[in-house]
N, C-alpha and C. Protein backbone atom coordinates (compact mmCIF):
# COMPACT_ATOMS: atom_id res chain seq x y z
N MET A 1 -54.58 30.56 116.94
CA MET A 1 -54.44 31.43 118.57
C MET A 1 -54.70 32.41 118.41
N SER A 2 -55.98 33.04 117.97
CA SER A 2 -55.90 34.51 117.70
C SER A 2 -56.47 34.91 119.33
N GLN A 3 -56.28 36.23 119.41
CA GLN A 3 -56.95 36.51 120.69
C GLN A 3 -57.61 37.46 120.83
N ALA A 4 -58.64 37.40 121.76
CA ALA A 4 -59.40 38.37 122.01
C ALA A 4 -59.37 39.92 121.47
N PRO A 5 -60.19 40.77 120.59
CA PRO A 5 -59.86 41.52 120.59
C PRO A 5 -59.93 42.69 121.72
N VAL A 6 -59.04 43.92 121.80
CA VAL A 6 -59.18 44.64 123.12
C VAL A 6 -60.20 45.72 122.97
N ARG A 7 -60.70 45.56 124.39
CA ARG A 7 -62.06 46.42 124.45
C ARG A 7 -61.52 47.81 124.56
N VAL A 8 -62.22 48.77 123.52
CA VAL A 8 -61.83 50.01 123.42
C VAL A 8 -62.59 50.74 124.47
N SER A 9 -62.24 52.12 125.14
CA SER A 9 -62.73 52.66 125.72
C SER A 9 -64.17 53.60 125.17
N PRO A 10 -65.25 53.48 126.06
CA PRO A 10 -66.54 54.24 125.64
C PRO A 10 -66.04 55.91 125.33
N LEU A 11 -65.04 56.26 125.92
CA LEU A 11 -64.76 57.56 126.11
C LEU A 11 -64.18 57.88 124.57
N ILE A 12 -63.25 56.86 124.28
CA ILE A 12 -62.71 56.80 123.07
C ILE A 12 -63.50 56.78 121.79
N LYS A 13 -64.63 55.74 121.84
CA LYS A 13 -65.42 55.51 120.92
C LYS A 13 -66.16 56.85 120.36
N PHE A 14 -66.66 57.38 121.84
CA PHE A 14 -67.31 58.59 121.90
C PHE A 14 -66.71 59.85 121.09
N GLY A 15 -65.44 59.86 121.54
CA GLY A 15 -64.66 61.03 120.73
C GLY A 15 -64.46 60.54 119.03
N ARG A 16 -64.18 59.47 119.00
CA ARG A 16 -64.00 59.15 117.12
C ARG A 16 -65.24 59.57 116.43
N TRP A 17 -66.55 58.97 117.10
CA TRP A 17 -67.57 59.28 116.20
C TRP A 17 -67.83 60.80 116.16
N SER A 18 -67.95 61.49 117.58
CA SER A 18 -68.13 62.76 117.44
C SER A 18 -66.91 63.47 116.75
N LEU A 19 -65.64 63.14 116.48
CA LEU A 19 -64.96 63.73 115.35
C LEU A 19 -65.42 63.59 114.00
N LEU A 20 -65.76 62.28 113.61
CA LEU A 20 -66.06 61.82 112.39
C LEU A 20 -67.46 62.79 112.10
N LEU A 21 -68.42 62.61 112.92
CA LEU A 21 -69.54 63.69 112.32
C LEU A 21 -69.17 65.15 112.48
N VAL A 22 -68.44 65.40 113.32
CA VAL A 22 -67.95 67.01 113.12
C VAL A 22 -67.09 67.36 111.83
N GLY A 23 -66.39 66.45 111.46
CA GLY A 23 -65.63 66.43 109.95
C GLY A 23 -66.76 66.51 108.85
N ILE A 24 -67.65 65.48 108.88
CA ILE A 24 -68.48 65.55 107.77
C ILE A 24 -69.44 66.69 107.90
N ALA A 25 -69.88 67.23 108.95
CA ALA A 25 -70.72 68.50 108.72
C ALA A 25 -69.82 69.73 108.57
N TYR A 26 -68.68 69.58 109.09
CA TYR A 26 -67.58 70.91 108.50
C TYR A 26 -67.57 70.94 106.93
N GLY A 27 -67.26 69.59 106.36
CA GLY A 27 -67.25 69.15 104.82
C GLY A 27 -68.28 69.65 103.94
N ALA A 28 -69.44 69.45 104.73
CA ALA A 28 -70.46 69.82 103.91
C ALA A 28 -70.81 71.21 103.90
N ALA A 29 -70.78 71.89 105.05
CA ALA A 29 -70.84 73.48 105.23
C ALA A 29 -69.69 73.86 104.07
N HIS A 30 -68.43 73.37 104.05
CA HIS A 30 -67.41 73.80 103.23
C HIS A 30 -67.71 74.08 101.56
N GLN A 31 -68.07 72.49 101.67
CA GLN A 31 -68.75 72.55 100.20
C GLN A 31 -69.57 73.57 99.76
N SER A 32 -70.45 73.68 100.38
CA SER A 32 -71.77 74.73 100.19
C SER A 32 -70.98 76.21 100.14
N ARG A 33 -70.40 76.51 100.79
CA ARG A 33 -69.91 77.79 100.83
C ARG A 33 -68.93 77.91 99.29
N LEU A 34 -68.11 77.04 99.31
CA LEU A 34 -67.36 77.12 97.99
C LEU A 34 -68.34 76.95 96.62
N SER A 35 -69.46 76.06 96.68
CA SER A 35 -70.16 76.18 95.60
C SER A 35 -70.89 77.28 95.08
N LYS A 36 -71.53 78.12 96.42
CA LYS A 36 -71.68 79.38 96.09
C LYS A 36 -70.73 80.13 95.57
N LYS A 37 -69.50 80.00 95.95
CA LYS A 37 -68.56 81.13 95.62
C LYS A 37 -68.34 80.76 94.21
N GLU A 38 -68.15 79.44 93.75
CA GLU A 38 -68.10 79.09 92.34
C GLU A 38 -68.89 79.80 91.29
N GLU A 39 -70.50 79.49 91.79
CA GLU A 39 -71.37 80.25 91.23
C GLU A 39 -71.30 81.62 90.49
N LYS A 40 -71.16 82.25 91.63
CA LYS A 40 -70.87 83.70 91.25
C LYS A 40 -69.71 83.87 90.33
N VAL A 41 -68.70 83.05 90.51
CA VAL A 41 -67.39 83.19 89.46
C VAL A 41 -68.00 82.90 87.92
N ARG A 42 -68.78 81.79 87.83
CA ARG A 42 -69.39 81.27 86.76
C ARG A 42 -70.08 82.09 85.90
N GLU A 43 -70.93 83.15 86.89
CA GLU A 43 -71.84 84.09 86.22
C GLU A 43 -71.10 85.15 85.53
N ILE A 44 -69.95 85.72 86.55
CA ILE A 44 -69.27 86.44 86.06
C ILE A 44 -68.38 85.93 84.76
N GLU A 45 -67.88 85.17 84.70
CA GLU A 45 -67.15 84.58 83.56
C GLU A 45 -67.85 84.39 82.25
N GLY A 46 -69.30 84.01 82.50
CA GLY A 46 -70.23 84.39 81.53
C GLY A 46 -70.70 85.66 80.67
N GLN A 47 -70.64 86.33 81.70
CA GLN A 47 -70.96 87.93 81.22
C GLN A 47 -69.61 88.16 80.66
N GLN A 48 -68.49 88.02 80.97
CA GLN A 48 -66.82 88.27 80.17
C GLN A 48 -67.22 87.49 78.89
N LYS A 49 -67.46 86.25 78.80
CA LYS A 49 -67.60 85.45 77.60
C LYS A 49 -68.40 86.17 76.39
N ALA A 50 -69.64 87.06 77.04
CA ALA A 50 -70.61 87.25 76.02
C ALA A 50 -69.72 88.56 75.27
N VAL A 51 -69.16 89.52 76.10
CA VAL A 51 -68.39 90.62 75.85
C VAL A 51 -67.37 90.34 74.91
N ARG A 52 -66.61 89.05 75.24
CA ARG A 52 -65.27 88.73 74.36
C ARG A 52 -65.84 88.29 72.89
N ASP A 53 -66.58 87.86 73.31
CA ASP A 53 -67.34 86.82 71.80
C ASP A 53 -68.07 88.21 70.92
N ALA A 54 -68.53 89.00 71.56
CA ALA A 54 -68.64 90.39 70.52
C ALA A 54 -67.62 91.03 69.97
N LYS A 55 -66.46 91.09 70.83
CA LYS A 55 -65.32 92.00 70.35
C LYS A 55 -64.37 90.83 69.49
N LEU A 56 -64.70 89.42 69.18
CA LEU A 56 -64.18 88.57 68.24
C LEU A 56 -64.84 88.56 67.27
N ALA A 57 -66.01 88.90 67.23
CA ALA A 57 -67.05 88.86 66.06
C ALA A 57 -66.91 90.19 65.46
N GLU A 58 -66.86 91.14 66.11
CA GLU A 58 -66.72 92.66 65.25
C GLU A 58 -64.83 92.56 64.88
N ALA A 59 -64.05 91.50 65.46
CA ALA A 59 -62.77 91.75 64.68
C ALA A 59 -62.90 90.65 63.22
N LYS A 60 -63.72 89.93 63.58
CA LYS A 60 -63.73 89.03 62.37
C LYS A 60 -64.38 89.83 61.27
N LYS A 61 -65.40 90.76 61.46
CA LYS A 61 -65.69 91.32 60.31
C LYS A 61 -64.92 92.47 59.80
N ARG A 62 -64.17 93.00 60.72
CA ARG A 62 -63.03 94.00 60.28
C ARG A 62 -61.89 93.41 59.24
N SER A 63 -61.73 92.21 59.88
CA SER A 63 -60.47 91.75 59.02
C SER A 63 -61.03 90.72 57.71
N ALA A 64 -62.02 90.44 57.73
CA ALA A 64 -62.71 89.81 56.36
C ALA A 64 -62.11 90.39 55.18
N PRO A 65 -62.89 91.71 54.82
CA PRO A 65 -62.19 92.58 54.10
C PRO A 65 -61.00 92.28 53.48
N ALA A 66 -60.00 92.79 54.62
CA ALA A 66 -58.79 92.95 54.35
C ALA A 66 -58.27 91.29 54.01
N MET A 67 -58.70 90.24 54.41
CA MET A 67 -58.21 88.97 54.01
C MET A 67 -58.73 88.23 52.13
N ALA A 68 -59.98 89.15 51.98
CA ALA A 68 -60.53 88.70 50.70
C ALA A 68 -59.14 88.76 49.85
N PRO A 69 -58.54 89.69 49.30
CA PRO A 69 -57.52 89.64 48.18
C PRO A 69 -56.63 88.25 48.55
N CYS A 70 -56.42 88.09 49.78
CA CYS A 70 -55.26 87.05 49.72
C CYS A 70 -55.84 85.94 49.15
N LEU A 71 -57.15 85.61 49.47
CA LEU A 71 -57.67 84.16 49.41
C LEU A 71 -58.08 83.71 48.12
N GLY A 72 -57.87 85.13 47.39
CA GLY A 72 -58.36 84.96 45.98
C GLY A 72 -58.62 84.89 45.03
């Protein structure tokens, strides 16, 4: 004894579909904006990593002779 489904107003259907599409468009735009921002951050981090690696290599060079007597 199932009842027939309730008929939904076309205005409500239109509103639901409109909001769904607006939400998808907003999400795509927001994702694009965040991706561009993250790309810039990664570029800066890459530059900082190169500087940091150079400093670590220099520190290893300086500490290697000091550690030689300890090793052996």
